[in-house]
Amino acid sequence: MRSKEFTISREIAVALINDDYSGLYNEELAIDKWLEDEGVEYITVRNCEEPARFTQCEVTGLCYDCIDIIAYKQ
């Protein structure tokens, strides 16, 4: 299994980890497309101790409080 690091919004990471997209109405299509395009099976947070930083989310292209994750692919 391969892995790749991404920077994504904290809210999207929580939604993916908990499989709960409630409250992310505008982001749902972007998340589904990203998962399909990247072939992501599951994710983990790279460093739970690291605070979120305001930067561009690689899923939506918009700026949010983001964290670094590791996405595991097929």
Protein backbone atom coordinates (compact mmCIF):
# COMPACT_ATOMS: atom_id res chain seq x y z
CA MET A 1 0.00 0.00 0.00
CA ARG A 2 1.33 3.42 -0.95
CA SER A 3 0.96 6.62 1.02
CA LYS A 4 1.14 10.32 0.23
CA GLU A 5 0.96 13.43 2.38
CA PHE A 6 -1.67 16.11 1.85
CA THR A 7 -2.66 19.33 3.56
CA ILE A 8 -6.41 19.45 4.09
CA SER A 9 -8.85 21.41 6.21
CA ARG A 10 -9.26 20.18 9.76
CA GLU A 11 -13.02 19.84 9.21
CA ILE A 12 -12.57 17.61 6.16
CA ALA A 13 -10.05 15.45 8.04
CA VAL A 14 -12.51 14.99 10.90
CA ALA A 15 -15.28 14.14 8.43
CA LEU A 16 -13.11 11.52 6.70
CA ILE A 17 -11.88 9.95 9.92
CA ASN A 18 -15.38 9.75 11.41
CA ASP A 19 -17.17 9.09 8.11
CA ASP A 20 -19.53 11.95 8.98
CA TYR A 21 -19.93 14.73 6.42
CA SER A 22 -22.70 16.57 8.29
CA GLY A 23 -22.15 20.32 8.09
CA LEU A 24 -19.91 20.05 5.02
CA TYR A 25 -22.61 20.46 2.39
CA ASN A 26 -20.54 22.52 -0.06
CA GLU A 27 -17.44 20.36 0.34
CA GLU A 28 -19.05 16.92 -0.11
CA LEU A 29 -18.62 16.76 -3.90
CA ALA A 30 -15.02 17.95 -3.66
CA ILE A 31 -14.26 15.31 -1.02
CA ASP A 32 -15.81 12.48 -3.04
CA LYS A 33 -13.96 13.57 -6.20
CA TRP A 34 -10.66 13.86 -4.35
CA LEU A 35 -11.05 10.40 -2.77
CA GLU A 36 -11.80 8.88 -6.17
CA ASP A 37 -9.08 10.77 -8.08
CA GLU A 38 -6.39 9.93 -5.51
CA GLY A 39 -7.60 6.37 -4.82
CA VAL A 40 -7.57 7.03 -1.08
CA GLU A 41 -8.64 4.13 1.11
CA TYR A 42 -8.07 5.76 4.50
CA ILE A 43 -6.18 8.60 6.17
CA THR A 44 -4.27 9.29 9.36
CA VAL A 45 -3.18 12.60 10.83
CA ARG A 46 0.56 13.07 10.39
CA ASN A 47 1.16 14.81 13.74
CA CYS A 48 -1.69 15.18 16.22
CA GLU A 49 0.35 17.59 18.34
CA GLU A 50 0.91 20.07 15.52
CA PRO A 51 -1.58 22.97 15.52
CA ALA A 52 -3.67 23.74 12.45
CA ARG A 53 -2.39 26.51 10.20
CA PHE A 54 -4.25 28.79 7.82
CA THR A 55 -3.33 27.65 4.31
CA GLN A 56 -4.80 26.23 1.11
CA CYS A 57 -6.66 22.92 1.37
CA GLU A 58 -5.57 20.42 -1.29
CA VAL A 59 -9.11 19.00 -1.52
CA THR A 60 -11.11 22.17 -2.10
CA GLY A 61 -8.43 24.68 -3.15
CA LEU A 62 -9.79 27.13 -0.56
CA CYS A 63 -7.98 28.50 2.48
CA TYR A 64 -8.89 26.99 5.85
CA ASP A 65 -7.27 25.98 9.12
CA CYS A 66 -5.45 22.93 7.74
CA ILE A 67 -3.53 19.95 9.04
CA ASP A 68 -1.23 17.47 7.34
CA ILE A 69 -2.56 13.97 6.77
CA ILE A 70 -1.20 10.78 5.29
CA ALA A 71 -3.50 9.21 2.72
CA TYR A 72 -3.12 5.51 2.08
CA LYS A 73 -3.82 4.38 -1.47
CA GLN A 74 -4.54 1.15 -3.25
